PDB file of N, CA and C in Angstrom:
ATOM      1  N   MET A   1       3.572 -80.813 -30.502  1.00  0.00           N
ATOM      2  CA  MET A   1       3.853 -82.077 -29.873  1.00  0.00           C
ATOM      3  C   MET A   1       2.796 -83.061 -30.334  1.00  0.00           C
ATOM      4  N   GLU A   2       3.213 -84.249 -30.652  1.00  0.00           N
ATOM      5  CA  GLU A   2       2.293 -85.293 -31.072  1.00  0.00           C
ATOM      6  C   GLU A   2       1.882 -86.106 -29.855  1.00  0.00           C
ATOM      7  N   VAL A   3       0.606 -86.388 -29.728  1.00  0.00           N
ATOM      8  CA  VAL A   3       0.081 -87.138 -28.588  1.00  0.00           C
ATOM      9  C   VAL A   3      -0.493 -88.448 -29.089  1.00  0.00           C
ATOM     10  N   SER A   4      -0.213 -89.530 -28.379  1.00  0.00           N
ATOM     11  CA  SER A   4      -0.715 -90.856 -28.759  1.00  0.00           C
ATOM     12  C   SER A   4      -2.236 -90.873 -28.802  1.00  0.00           C
ATOM     13  N   ASP A   5      -2.780 -91.773 -29.622  1.00  0.00           N
ATOM     14  CA  ASP A   5      -4.232 -91.895 -29.760  1.00  0.00           C
ATOM     15  C   ASP A   5      -4.909 -92.061 -28.406  1.00  0.00           C
ATOM     16  N   GLY A   6      -5.987 -91.342 -28.200  1.00  0.00           N
ATOM     17  CA  GLY A   6      -6.766 -91.447 -26.983  1.00  0.00           C
ATOM     18  C   GLY A   6      -6.315 -90.505 -25.885  1.00  0.00           C
ATOM     19  N   LEU A   7      -5.129 -89.952 -25.985  1.00  0.00           N
ATOM     20  CA  LEU A   7      -4.636 -89.075 -24.932  1.00  0.00           C
ATOM     21  C   LEU A   7      -5.024 -87.620 -25.138  1.00  0.00           C
ATOM     22  N   GLU A   8      -5.403 -87.267 -26.367  1.00  0.00           N
ATOM     23  CA  GLU A   8      -5.703 -85.860 -26.641  1.00  0.00           C
ATOM     24  C   GLU A   8      -6.911 -85.358 -25.859  1.00  0.00           C
ATOM     25  N   THR A   9      -7.734 -86.253 -25.349  1.00  0.00           N
ATOM     26  CA  THR A   9      -8.876 -85.833 -24.542  1.00  0.00           C
ATOM     27  C   THR A   9      -8.681 -86.156 -23.062  1.00  0.00           C
ATOM     28  N   ASN A  10      -7.556 -86.707 -22.694  1.00  0.00           N
ATOM     29  CA  ASN A  10      -7.261 -87.062 -21.306  1.00  0.00           C
ATOM     30  C   ASN A  10      -7.043 -85.786 -20.499  1.00  0.00           C
ATOM     31  N   GLU A  11      -7.775 -85.655 -19.405  1.00  0.00           N
ATOM     32  CA  GLU A  11      -7.714 -84.432 -18.600  1.00  0.00           C
ATOM     33  C   GLU A  11      -6.314 -84.167 -18.037  1.00  0.00           C
ATOM     34  N   LYS A  12      -5.598 -85.215 -17.649  1.00  0.00           N
ATOM     35  CA  LYS A  12      -4.255 -85.034 -17.101  1.00  0.00           C
ATOM     36  C   LYS A  12      -3.294 -84.503 -18.170  1.00  0.00           C
ATOM     37  N   VAL A  13      -3.435 -84.985 -19.389  1.00  0.00           N
ATOM     38  CA  VAL A  13      -2.577 -84.515 -20.479  1.00  0.00           C
ATOM     39  C   VAL A  13      -2.894 -83.055 -20.790  1.00  0.00           C
ATOM     40  N   ILE A  14      -4.172 -82.707 -20.803  1.00  0.00           N
ATOM     41  CA  ILE A  14      -4.579 -81.323 -21.076  1.00  0.00           C
ATOM     42  C   ILE A  14      -4.046 -80.408 -19.969  1.00  0.00           C
ATOM     43  N   GLU A  15      -4.184 -80.829 -18.712  1.00  0.00           N
ATOM     44  CA  GLU A  15      -3.697 -80.037 -17.582  1.00  0.00           C
ATOM     45  C   GLU A  15      -2.174 -79.871 -17.646  1.00  0.00           C
ATOM     46  N   LEU A  16      -1.480 -80.943 -17.984  1.00  0.00           N
ATOM     47  CA  LEU A  16      -0.028 -80.883 -18.109  1.00  0.00           C
ATOM     48  C   LEU A  16       0.383 -79.920 -19.216  1.00  0.00           C
ATOM     49  N   GLY A  17      -0.332 -79.953 -20.332  1.00  0.00           N
ATOM     50  CA  GLY A  17      -0.054 -79.032 -21.424  1.00  0.00           C
ATOM     51  C   GLY A  17      -0.209 -77.578 -20.993  1.00  0.00           C
ATOM     52  N   LYS A  18      -1.237 -77.313 -20.212  1.00  0.00           N
ATOM     53  CA  LYS A  18      -1.455 -75.950 -19.704  1.00  0.00           C
ATOM     54  C   LYS A  18      -0.328 -75.547 -18.746  1.00  0.00           C
ATOM     55  N   ASP A  19       0.105 -76.491 -17.891  1.00  0.00           N
ATOM     56  CA  ASP A  19       1.193 -76.191 -16.947  1.00  0.00           C
ATOM     57  C   ASP A  19       2.490 -75.869 -17.688  1.00  0.00           C
ATOM     58  N   VAL A  20       2.787 -76.649 -18.723  1.00  0.00           N
ATOM     59  CA  VAL A  20       4.001 -76.393 -19.508  1.00  0.00           C
ATOM     60  C   VAL A  20       3.904 -75.037 -20.211  1.00  0.00           C
ATOM     61  N   ALA A  21       2.731 -74.732 -20.758  1.00  0.00           N
ATOM     62  CA  ALA A  21       2.532 -73.441 -21.425  1.00  0.00           C
ATOM     63  C   ALA A  21       2.715 -72.283 -20.449  1.00  0.00           C
ATOM     64  N   MET A  22       2.218 -72.443 -19.212  1.00  0.00           N
ATOM     65  CA  MET A  22       2.378 -71.381 -18.214  1.00  0.00           C
ATOM     66  C   MET A  22       3.842 -71.208 -17.840  1.00  0.00           C
ATOM     67  N   GLN A  23       4.591 -72.316 -17.752  1.00  0.00           N
ATOM     68  CA  GLN A  23       6.024 -72.245 -17.456  1.00  0.00           C
ATOM     69  C   GLN A  23       6.744 -71.443 -18.542  1.00  0.00           C
ATOM     70  N   ILE A  24       6.437 -71.752 -19.775  1.00  0.00           N
ATOM     71  CA  ILE A  24       7.083 -71.061 -20.900  1.00  0.00           C
ATOM     72  C   ILE A  24       6.699 -69.593 -20.913  1.00  0.00           C
ATOM     73  N   ALA A  25       5.425 -69.304 -20.689  1.00  0.00           N
ATOM     74  CA  ALA A  25       4.972 -67.906 -20.684  1.00  0.00           C
ATOM     75  C   ALA A  25       5.591 -67.127 -19.528  1.00  0.00           C
ATOM     76  N   ALA A  26       5.747 -67.769 -18.381  1.00  0.00           N
ATOM     77  CA  ALA A  26       6.276 -67.082 -17.206  1.00  0.00           C
ATOM     78  C   ALA A  26       7.747 -66.732 -17.355  1.00  0.00           C
ATOM     79  N   MET A  27       8.517 -67.615 -17.962  1.00  0.00           N
ATOM     80  CA  MET A  27       9.958 -67.344 -18.019  1.00  0.00           C
ATOM     81  C   MET A  27      10.422 -66.822 -19.376  1.00  0.00           C
ATOM     82  N   ASN A  28       9.629 -67.018 -20.423  1.00  0.00           N
ATOM     83  CA  ASN A  28       9.985 -66.547 -21.761  1.00  0.00           C
ATOM     84  C   ASN A  28      11.431 -66.937 -22.115  1.00  0.00           C
ATOM     85  N   PRO A  29      11.717 -68.253 -22.164  1.00  0.00           N
ATOM     86  CA  PRO A  29      13.089 -68.692 -22.403  1.00  0.00           C
ATOM     87  C   PRO A  29      13.566 -68.391 -23.821  1.00  0.00           C
ATOM     88  N   THR A  30      14.853 -68.126 -23.937  1.00  0.00           N
ATOM     89  CA  THR A  30      15.455 -67.891 -25.239  1.00  0.00           C
ATOM     90  C   THR A  30      15.863 -69.201 -25.895  1.00  0.00           C
ATOM     91  N   PHE A  31      16.211 -70.183 -25.064  1.00  0.00           N
ATOM     92  CA  PHE A  31      16.710 -71.472 -25.551  1.00  0.00           C
ATOM     93  C   PHE A  31      15.942 -72.609 -24.877  1.00  0.00           C
ATOM     94  N   LEU A  32      15.877 -73.755 -25.554  1.00  0.00           N
ATOM     95  CA  LEU A  32      15.261 -74.930 -24.956  1.00  0.00           C
ATOM     96  C   LEU A  32      16.219 -75.559 -23.942  1.00  0.00           C
ATOM     97  N   ASP A  33      17.465 -75.762 -24.344  1.00  0.00           N
ATOM     98  CA  ASP A  33      18.443 -76.445 -23.511  1.00  0.00           C
ATOM     99  C   ASP A  33      19.764 -75.685 -23.592  1.00  0.00           C
ATOM    100  N   LYS A  34      20.627 -75.893 -22.593  1.00  0.00           N
ATOM    101  CA  LYS A  34      21.899 -75.166 -22.611  1.00  0.00           C
ATOM    102  C   LYS A  34      22.776 -75.574 -23.787  1.00  0.00           C
ATOM    103  N   SER A  35      22.538 -76.754 -24.342  1.00  0.00           N
ATOM    104  CA  SER A  35      23.310 -77.164 -25.523  1.00  0.00           C
ATOM    105  C   SER A  35      22.928 -76.342 -26.753  1.00  0.00           C
ATOM    106  N   ASP A  36      21.795 -75.648 -26.691  1.00  0.00           N
ATOM    107  CA  ASP A  36      21.354 -74.791 -27.802  1.00  0.00           C
ATOM    108  C   ASP A  36      22.000 -73.411 -27.786  1.00  0.00           C
ATOM    109  N   VAL A  37      22.670 -73.057 -26.691  1.00  0.00           N
ATOM    110  CA  VAL A  37      23.309 -71.746 -26.564  1.00  0.00           C
ATOM    111  C   VAL A  37      24.610 -71.765 -27.357  1.00  0.00           C
ATOM    112  N   SER A  38      24.761 -70.824 -28.263  1.00  0.00           N
ATOM    113  CA  SER A  38      25.963 -70.784 -29.108  1.00  0.00           C
ATOM    114  C   SER A  38      27.176 -70.316 -28.297  1.00  0.00           C
ATOM    115  N   GLN A  39      28.335 -70.694 -28.766  1.00  0.00           N
ATOM    116  CA  GLN A  39      29.572 -70.265 -28.120  1.00  0.00           C
ATOM    117  C   GLN A  39      29.697 -68.742 -28.176  1.00  0.00           C
ATOM    118  N   GLU A  40      29.223 -68.163 -29.248  1.00  0.00           N
ATOM    119  CA  GLU A  40      29.247 -66.700 -29.387  1.00  0.00           C
ATOM    120  C   GLU A  40      28.427 -66.027 -28.279  1.00  0.00           C
ATOM    121  N   THR A  41      27.255 -66.577 -27.998  1.00  0.00           N
ATOM    122  CA  THR A  41      26.405 -66.042 -26.930  1.00  0.00           C
ATOM    123  C   THR A  41      27.094 -66.182 -25.578  1.00  0.00           C
ATOM    124  N   LEU A  42      27.688 -67.345 -25.327  1.00  0.00           N
ATOM    125  CA  LEU A  42      28.396 -67.567 -24.065  1.00  0.00           C
ATOM    126  C   LEU A  42      29.581 -66.623 -23.914  1.00  0.00           C
ATOM    127  N   ASP A  43      30.338 -66.437 -24.998  1.00  0.00           N
ATOM    128  CA  ASP A  43      31.479 -65.524 -24.949  1.00  0.00           C
ATOM    129  C   ASP A  43      31.033 -64.101 -24.645  1.00  0.00           C
ATOM    130  N   LYS A  44      29.939 -63.685 -25.260  1.00  0.00           N
ATOM    131  CA  LYS A  44      29.420 -62.339 -25.024  1.00  0.00           C
ATOM    132  C   LYS A  44      28.968 -62.178 -23.580  1.00  0.00           C
ATOM    133  N   GLU A  45      28.266 -63.180 -23.058  1.00  0.00           N
ATOM    134  CA  GLU A  45      27.803 -63.128 -21.668  1.00  0.00           C
ATOM    135  C   GLU A  45      28.987 -63.100 -20.704  1.00  0.00           C
ATOM    136  N   LYS A  46      29.999 -63.904 -21.003  1.00  0.00           N
ATOM    137  CA  LYS A  46      31.202 -63.935 -20.160  1.00  0.00           C
ATOM    138  C   LYS A  46      31.896 -62.571 -20.185  1.00  0.00           C
ATOM    139  N   GLU A  47      31.961 -61.965 -21.350  1.00  0.00           N
ATOM    140  CA  GLU A  47      32.575 -60.632 -21.497  1.00  0.00           C
ATOM    141  C   GLU A  47      31.811 -59.591 -20.666  1.00  0.00           C
ATOM    142  N   ILE A  48      30.493 -59.667 -20.709  1.00  0.00           N
ATOM    143  CA  ILE A  48      29.666 -58.735 -19.936  1.00  0.00           C
ATOM    144  C   ILE A  48      29.922 -58.932 -18.439  1.00  0.00           C
ATOM    145  N   GLN A  49      29.968 -60.170 -18.000  1.00  0.00           N
ATOM    146  CA  GLN A  49      30.177 -60.449 -16.574  1.00  0.00           C
ATOM    147  C   GLN A  49      31.571 -60.018 -16.120  1.00  0.00           C
ATOM    148  N   LEU A  50      32.593 -60.251 -16.950  1.00  0.00           N
ATOM    149  CA  LEU A  50      33.943 -59.813 -16.595  1.00  0.00           C
ATOM    150  C   LEU A  50      34.034 -58.295 -16.520  1.00  0.00           C
ATOM    151  N   ALA A  51      33.363 -57.604 -17.425  1.00  0.00           N
ATOM    152  CA  ALA A  51      33.345 -56.138 -17.406  1.00  0.00           C
ATOM    153  C   ALA A  51      32.637 -55.621 -16.152  1.00  0.00           C
ATOM    154  N   THR A  52      31.565 -56.296 -15.770  1.00  0.00           N
ATOM    155  CA  THR A  52      30.846 -55.920 -14.554  1.00  0.00           C
ATOM    156  C   THR A  52      31.742 -56.081 -13.335  1.00  0.00           C
ATOM    157  N   LEU A  53      32.475 -57.186 -13.286  1.00  0.00           N
ATOM    158  CA  LEU A  53      33.389 -57.408 -12.164  1.00  0.00           C
ATOM    159  C   LEU A  53      34.519 -56.376 -12.147  1.00  0.00           C
ATOM    160  N   ALA A  54      35.015 -56.033 -13.329  1.00  0.00           N
ATOM    161  CA  ALA A  54      36.115 -55.065 -13.424  1.00  0.00           C
ATOM    162  C   ALA A  54      35.675 -53.683 -12.923  1.00  0.00           C
ATOM    163  N   ASN A  55      34.405 -53.360 -13.093  1.00  0.00           N
ATOM    164  CA  ASN A  55      33.889 -52.059 -12.662  1.00  0.00           C
ATOM    165  C   ASN A  55      33.441 -52.032 -11.208  1.00  0.00           C
ATOM    166  N   ASP A  56      33.451 -53.187 -10.565  1.00  0.00           N
ATOM    167  CA  ASP A  56      33.050 -53.276  -9.159  1.00  0.00           C
ATOM    168  C   ASP A  56      34.281 -53.092  -8.285  1.00  0.00           C
ATOM    169  N   PRO A  57      34.331 -52.029  -7.471  1.00  0.00           N
ATOM    170  CA  PRO A  57      35.514 -51.769  -6.650  1.00  0.00           C
ATOM    171  C   PRO A  57      35.868 -52.931  -5.712  1.00  0.00           C
ATOM    172  N   LYS A  58      34.883 -53.662  -5.236  1.00  0.00           N
ATOM    173  CA  LYS A  58      35.150 -54.791  -4.355  1.00  0.00           C
ATOM    174  C   LYS A  58      35.814 -55.950  -5.089  1.00  0.00           C
ATOM    175  N   MET A  59      35.546 -56.069  -6.376  1.00  0.00           N
ATOM    176  CA  MET A  59      36.056 -57.197  -7.164  1.00  0.00           C
ATOM    177  C   MET A  59      37.341 -56.867  -7.923  1.00  0.00           C
ATOM    178  N   ALA A  60      37.659 -55.599  -8.065  1.00  0.00           N
ATOM    179  CA  ALA A  60      38.813 -55.197  -8.879  1.00  0.00           C
ATOM    180  C   ALA A  60      40.118 -55.805  -8.384  1.00  0.00           C
ATOM    181  N   SER A  61      40.268 -55.980  -7.091  1.00  0.00           N
ATOM    182  CA  SER A  61      41.517 -56.496  -6.547  1.00  0.00           C
ATOM    183  C   SER A  61      41.568 -58.019  -6.465  1.00  0.00           C
ATOM    184  N   LYS A  62      40.497 -58.684  -6.818  1.00  0.00           N
ATOM    185  CA  LYS A  62      40.456 -60.145  -6.747  1.00  0.00           C
ATOM    186  C   LYS A  62      41.331 -60.752  -7.846  1.00  0.00           C
ATOM    187  N   PRO A  63      41.946 -61.901  -7.566  1.00  0.00           N
ATOM    188  CA  PRO A  63      42.740 -62.585  -8.603  1.00  0.00           C
ATOM    189  C   PRO A  63      41.853 -63.034  -9.764  1.00  0.00           C
ATOM    190  N   ASP A  64      42.469 -63.164 -10.931  1.00  0.00           N
ATOM    191  CA  ASP A  64      41.714 -63.561 -12.123  1.00  0.00           C
ATOM    192  C   ASP A  64      41.040 -64.910 -11.941  1.00  0.00           C
ATOM    193  N   LYS A  65      41.695 -65.830 -11.247  1.00  0.00           N
ATOM    194  CA  LYS A  65      41.112 -67.160 -11.032  1.00  0.00           C
ATOM    195  C   LYS A  65      39.797 -67.060 -10.238  1.00  0.00           C
ATOM    196  N   VAL A  66      39.757 -66.194  -9.259  1.00  0.00           N
ATOM    197  CA  VAL A  66      38.542 -65.983  -8.475  1.00  0.00           C
ATOM    198  C   VAL A  66      37.456 -65.376  -9.365  1.00  0.00           C
ATOM    199  N   LYS A  67      37.840 -64.402 -10.188  1.00  0.00           N
ATOM    200  CA  LYS A  67      36.880 -63.775 -11.095  1.00  0.00           C
ATOM    201  C   LYS A  67      36.302 -64.804 -12.068  1.00  0.00           C
ATOM    202  N   GLU A  68      37.157 -65.704 -12.574  1.00  0.00           N
ATOM    203  CA  GLU A  68      36.693 -66.733 -13.495  1.00  0.00           C
ATOM    204  C   GLU A  68      35.665 -67.642 -12.811  1.00  0.00           C
ATOM    205  N   GLY A  69      35.905 -67.971 -11.525  1.00  0.00           N
ATOM    206  CA  GLY A  69      34.953 -68.790 -10.774  1.00  0.00           C
ATOM    207  C   GLY A  69      33.626 -68.085 -10.590  1.00  0.00           C
ATOM    208  N   ILE A  70      33.679 -66.798 -10.317  1.00  0.00           N
ATOM    209  CA  ILE A  70      32.456 -66.006 -10.162  1.00  0.00           C
ATOM    210  C   ILE A  70      31.687 -65.973 -11.483  1.00  0.00           C
ATOM    211  N   VAL A  71      32.410 -65.781 -12.571  1.00  0.00           N
ATOM    212  CA  VAL A  71      31.773 -65.739 -13.898  1.00  0.00           C
ATOM    213  C   VAL A  71      31.150 -67.099 -14.223  1.00  0.00           C
ATOM    214  N   ALA A  72      31.832 -68.187 -13.859  1.00  0.00           N
ATOM    215  CA  ALA A  72      31.275 -69.527 -14.114  1.00  0.00           C
ATOM    216  C   ALA A  72      29.942 -69.680 -13.369  1.00  0.00           C
ATOM    217  N   GLY A  73      29.884 -69.208 -12.146  1.00  0.00           N
ATOM    218  CA  GLY A  73      28.632 -69.256 -11.386  1.00  0.00           C
ATOM    219  C   GLY A  73      27.547 -68.409 -12.029  1.00  0.00           C
ATOM    220  N   LYS A  74      27.937 -67.258 -12.539  1.00  0.00           N
ATOM    221  CA  LYS A  74      26.964 -66.374 -13.188  1.00  0.00           C
ATOM    222  C   LYS A  74      26.474 -66.979 -14.502  1.00  0.00           C
ATOM    223  N   LEU A  75      27.333 -67.747 -15.186  1.00  0.00           N
ATOM    224  CA  LEU A  75      26.887 -68.425 -16.409  1.00  0.00           C
ATOM    225  C   LEU A  75      25.864 -69.515 -16.067  1.00  0.00           C
ATOM    226  N   GLY A  76      26.045 -70.157 -14.919  1.00  0.00           N
ATOM    227  CA  GLY A  76      25.047 -71.130 -14.472  1.00  0.00           C
ATOM    228  C   GLY A  76      23.698 -70.469 -14.262  1.00  0.00           C
ATOM    229  N   LYS A  77      23.725 -69.285 -13.678  1.00  0.00           N
ATOM    230  CA  LYS A  77      22.491 -68.523 -13.480  1.00  0.00           C
ATOM    231  C   LYS A  77      21.905 -68.120 -14.836  1.00  0.00           C
ATOM    232  N   PHE A  78      22.774 -67.751 -15.788  1.00  0.00           N
ATOM    233  CA  PHE A  78      22.331 -67.406 -17.140  1.00  0.00           C
ATOM    234  C   PHE A  78      21.549 -68.568 -17.750  1.00  0.00           C
ATOM    235  N   TYR A  79      22.089 -69.789 -17.612  1.00  0.00           N
ATOM    236  CA  TYR A  79      21.388 -70.963 -18.143  1.00  0.00           C
ATOM    237  C   TYR A  79      20.014 -71.123 -17.493  1.00  0.00           C
ATOM    238  N   LYS A  80      19.955 -70.967 -16.182  1.00  0.00           N
ATOM    239  CA  LYS A  80      18.685 -71.145 -15.464  1.00  0.00           C
ATOM    240  C   LYS A  80      17.646 -70.103 -15.863  1.00  0.00           C
ATOM    241  N   GLU A  81      18.106 -68.912 -16.222  1.00  0.00           N
ATOM    242  CA  GLU A  81      17.185 -67.842 -16.581  1.00  0.00           C
ATOM    243  C   GLU A  81      16.808 -67.842 -18.060  1.00  0.00           C
ATOM    244  N   ASN A  82      17.617 -68.494 -18.905  1.00  0.00           N
ATOM    245  CA  ASN A  82      17.407 -68.404 -20.353  1.00  0.00           C
ATOM    246  C   ASN A  82      17.138 -69.729 -21.057  1.00  0.00           C
ATOM    247  N   CYS A  83      17.279 -70.855 -20.358  1.00  0.00           N
ATOM    248  CA  CYS A  83      17.081 -72.168 -20.964  1.00  0.00           C
ATOM    249  C   CYS A  83      15.926 -72.872 -20.256  1.00  0.00           C
ATOM    250  N   LEU A  84      14.920 -73.251 -21.002  1.00  0.00           N
ATOM    251  CA  LEU A  84      13.720 -73.850 -20.428  1.00  0.00           C
ATOM    252  C   LEU A  84      14.052 -75.085 -19.587  1.00  0.00           C
ATOM    253  N   LEU A  85      14.873 -75.976 -20.109  1.00  0.00           N
ATOM    254  CA  LEU A  85      15.137 -77.220 -19.397  1.00  0.00           C
ATOM    255  C   LEU A  85      16.075 -77.057 -18.214  1.00  0.00           C
ATOM    256  N   GLN A  86      16.753 -75.933 -18.096  1.00  0.00           N
ATOM    257  CA  GLN A  86      17.607 -75.685 -16.940  1.00  0.00           C
ATOM    258  C   GLN A  86      16.894 -74.831 -15.884  1.00  0.00           C
ATOM    259  N   SER A  87      15.730 -74.337 -16.223  1.00  0.00           N
ATOM    260  CA  SER A  87      15.011 -73.486 -15.279  1.00  0.00           C
ATOM    261  C   SER A  87      14.376 -74.321 -14.175  1.00  0.00           C
ATOM    262  N   ARG A  88      14.058 -73.666 -13.097  1.00  0.00           N
ATOM    263  CA  ARG A  88      13.350 -74.336 -12.011  1.00  0.00           C
ATOM    264  C   ARG A  88      11.870 -74.355 -12.382  1.00  0.00           C
ATOM    265  N   PRO A  89      11.312 -75.537 -12.573  1.00  0.00           N
ATOM    266  CA  PRO A  89       9.901 -75.616 -12.954  1.00  0.00           C
ATOM    267  C   PRO A  89       8.989 -75.012 -11.902  1.00  0.00           C
ATOM    268  N   LEU A  90       7.945 -74.371 -12.370  1.00  0.00           N
ATOM    269  CA  LEU A  90       6.989 -73.753 -11.469  1.00  0.00           C
ATOM    270  C   LEU A  90       6.123 -74.788 -10.768  1.00  0.00           C
ATOM    271  N   SER A  91       5.937 -75.933 -11.395  1.00  0.00           N
ATOM    272  CA  SER A  91       5.082 -76.939 -10.776  1.00  0.00           C
ATOM    273  C   SER A  91       5.793 -78.277 -10.668  1.00  0.00           C
ATOM    274  N   ARG A  92       5.392 -79.052  -9.681  1.00  0.00           N
ATOM    275  CA  ARG A  92       5.968 -80.369  -9.460  1.00  0.00           C
ATOM    276  C   ARG A  92       5.677 -81.289 -10.638  1.00  0.00           C
ATOM    277  N   LYS A  93       4.524 -81.123 -11.261  1.00  0.00           N
ATOM    278  CA  LYS A  93       4.161 -81.956 -12.403  1.00  0.00           C
ATOM    279  C   LYS A  93       5.135 -81.756 -13.562  1.00  0.00           C
ATOM    280  N   ILE A  94       5.521 -80.512 -13.790  1.00  0.00           N
ATOM    281  CA  ILE A  94       6.456 -80.234 -14.879  1.00  0.00           C
ATOM    282  C   ILE A  94       7.825 -80.827 -14.547  1.00  0.00           C
ATOM    283  N   ARG A  95       8.253 -80.691 -13.294  1.00  0.00           N
ATOM    284  CA  ARG A  95       9.533 -81.292 -12.886  1.00  0.00           C
ATOM    285  C   ARG A  95       9.541 -82.781 -13.178  1.00  0.00           C
ATOM    286  N   SER A  96       8.442 -83.446 -12.859  1.00  0.00           N
ATOM    287  CA  SER A  96       8.330 -84.876 -13.098  1.00  0.00           C
ATOM    288  C   SER A  96       8.387 -85.183 -14.593  1.00  0.00           C
ATOM    289  N   LEU A  97       7.724 -84.371 -15.384  1.00  0.00           N
ATOM    290  CA  LEU A  97       7.741 -84.558 -16.837  1.00  0.00           C
ATOM    291  C   LEU A  97       9.157 -84.430 -17.377  1.00  0.00           C
ATOM    292  N   TRP A  98       9.872 -83.388 -16.946  1.00  0.00           N
ATOM    293  CA  TRP A  98      11.219 -83.170 -17.459  1.00  0.00           C
ATOM    294  C   TRP A  98      12.145 -84.302 -17.062  1.00  0.00           C
ATOM    295  N   ARG A  99      12.022 -84.762 -15.816  1.00  0.00           N
ATOM    296  CA  ARG A  99      12.885 -85.857 -15.376  1.00  0.00           C
ATOM    297  C   ARG A  99      12.610 -87.119 -16.168  1.00  0.00           C
ATOM    298  N   SER A 100      11.356 -87.396 -16.433  1.00  0.00           N
ATOM    299  CA  SER A 100      11.011 -88.650 -17.093  1.00  0.00           C
ATOM    300  C   SER A 100      11.184 -88.616 -18.606  1.00  0.00           C
ATOM    301  N   THR A 101      11.300 -87.453 -19.197  1.00  0.00           N
ATOM    302  CA  THR A 101      11.406 -87.387 -20.654  1.00  0.00           C
ATOM    303  C   THR A 101      12.697 -86.724 -21.102  1.00  0.00           C
ATOM    304  N   TRP A 102      12.741 -85.400 -21.090  1.00  0.00           N
ATOM    305  CA  TRP A 102      13.871 -84.683 -21.670  1.00  0.00           C
ATOM    306  C   TRP A 102      15.175 -84.923 -20.942  1.00  0.00           C
ATOM    307  N   ARG A 103      15.182 -84.918 -19.645  1.00  0.00           N
ATOM    308  CA  ARG A 103      16.424 -85.035 -18.898  1.00  0.00           C
ATOM    309  C   ARG A 103      17.076 -86.393 -19.068  1.00  0.00           C
ATOM    310  N   ARG A 104      16.315 -87.391 -19.479  1.00  0.00           N
ATOM    311  CA  ARG A 104      16.889 -88.712 -19.735  1.00  0.00           C
ATOM    312  C   ARG A 104      17.253 -88.881 -21.205  1.00  0.00           C
ATOM    313  N   GLY A 105      17.102 -87.827 -21.969  1.00  0.00           N
ATOM    314  CA  GLY A 105      17.460 -87.893 -23.385  1.00  0.00           C
ATOM    315  C   GLY A 105      16.440 -88.607 -24.240  1.00  0.00           C
ATOM    316  N   GLN A 106      15.218 -88.756 -23.745  1.00  0.00           N
ATOM    317  CA  GLN A 106      14.195 -89.452 -24.510  1.00  0.00           C
ATOM    318  C   GLN A 106      13.232 -88.478 -25.160  1.00  0.00           C
ATOM    319  N   GLY A 107      13.580 -87.209 -25.219  1.00  0.00           N
ATOM    320  CA  GLY A 107      12.662 -86.170 -25.682  1.00  0.00           C
ATOM    321  C   GLY A 107      12.322 -86.283 -27.150  1.00  0.00           C
ATOM    322  N   SER A 108      11.420 -87.181 -27.473  1.00  0.00           N
ATOM    323  CA  SER A 108      11.028 -87.359 -28.859  1.00  0.00           C
ATOM    324  C   SER A 108       9.874 -86.447 -29.245  1.00  0.00           C
ATOM    325  N   GLY A 109       9.334 -85.705 -28.257  1.00  0.00           N
ATOM    326  CA  GLY A 109       8.205 -84.839 -28.546  1.00  0.00           C
ATOM    327  C   GLY A 109       6.882 -85.580 -28.546  1.00  0.00           C
ATOM    328  N   ARG A 110       6.879 -86.802 -28.008  1.00  0.00           N
ATOM    329  CA  ARG A 110       5.662 -87.613 -27.973  1.00  0.00           C
ATOM    330  C   ARG A 110       5.346 -88.007 -26.544  1.00  0.00           C
ATOM    331  N   LEU A 111       4.077 -88.065 -26.201  1.00  0.00           N
ATOM    332  CA  LEU A 111       3.639 -88.556 -24.899  1.00  0.00           C
ATOM    333  C   LEU A 111       3.030 -89.932 -25.098  1.00  0.00           C
ATOM    334  N   HIS A 112       3.514 -90.895 -24.358  1.00  0.00           N
ATOM    335  CA  HIS A 112       2.990 -92.261 -24.426  1.00  0.00           C
ATOM    336  C   HIS A 112       2.542 -92.693 -23.043  1.00  0.00           C
ATOM    337  N   PRO A 113       1.430 -93.417 -22.927  1.00  0.00           N
ATOM    338  CA  PRO A 113       0.951 -93.840 -21.626  1.00  0.00           C
ATOM    339  C   PRO A 113       1.957 -94.696 -20.882  1.00  0.00           C
ATOM    340  N   ASP A 114       2.756 -95.483 -21.591  1.00  0.00           N
ATOM    341  CA  ASP A 114       3.702 -96.372 -20.928  1.00  0.00           C
ATOM    342  C   ASP A 114       4.958 -95.664 -20.429  1.00  0.00           C
ATOM    343  N   GLN A 115       5.106 -94.375 -20.645  1.00  0.00           N
ATOM    344  CA  GLN A 115       6.255 -93.619 -20.140  1.00  0.00           C
ATOM    345  C   GLN A 115       6.019 -93.129 -18.734  1.00  0.00           C
ATOM    346  N   GLY A 116       4.844 -93.349 -18.190  1.00  0.00           N
ATOM    347  CA  GLY A 116       4.581 -92.932 -16.825  1.00  0.00           C
ATOM    348  C   GLY A 116       4.275 -91.451 -16.690  1.00  0.00           C
ATOM    349  N   LEU A 117       4.058 -90.752 -17.764  1.00  0.00           N
ATOM    350  CA  LEU A 117       3.849 -89.309 -17.677  1.00  0.00           C
ATOM    351  C   LEU A 117       2.441 -88.965 -17.180  1.00  0.00           C
ATOM    352  N   LEU A 118       1.544 -89.934 -17.214  1.00  0.00           N
ATOM    353  CA  LEU A 118       0.174 -89.645 -16.790  1.00  0.00           C
ATOM    354  C   LEU A 118      -0.050 -89.960 -15.322  1.00  0.00           C
ATOM    355  N   SER A 119       0.928 -90.505 -14.660  1.00  0.00           N
ATOM    356  CA  SER A 119       0.772 -90.826 -13.241  1.00  0.00           C
ATOM    357  C   SER A 119       1.385 -89.739 -12.381  1.00  0.00           C
ATOM    358  N   LEU A 120       1.193 -88.496 -12.799  1.00  0.00           N
ATOM    359  CA  LEU A 120       1.742 -87.370 -12.082  1.00  0.00           C
ATOM    360  C   LEU A 120       0.851 -87.093 -10.914  1.00  0.00           C
TER     361      LEU A 120
END
């Protein structure tokens, strides 16, 4: 990540960098964002979830539409567990960073003082 001049020694930026690193280390994400997950991966995950439901005696009698809804919910959980930007941040500071940068589509990989990222 490129940091604007003068920010590389700013304590808040250094602390934020450590928080982001801890988030990544704690969850070990496979993908940055859910848009990075290939259709092949999604199809495989859906197949695994449908097979799991088929082997569950409680779910075997459920209509296919209900099973599809359950699988859709499980895919949401898959995103949260495997995609960094869909995960629940461990710290409030990281949540604020994601909202102000990546979630708004401004993720240029740069921190600028005028983006409000230092007023965490």
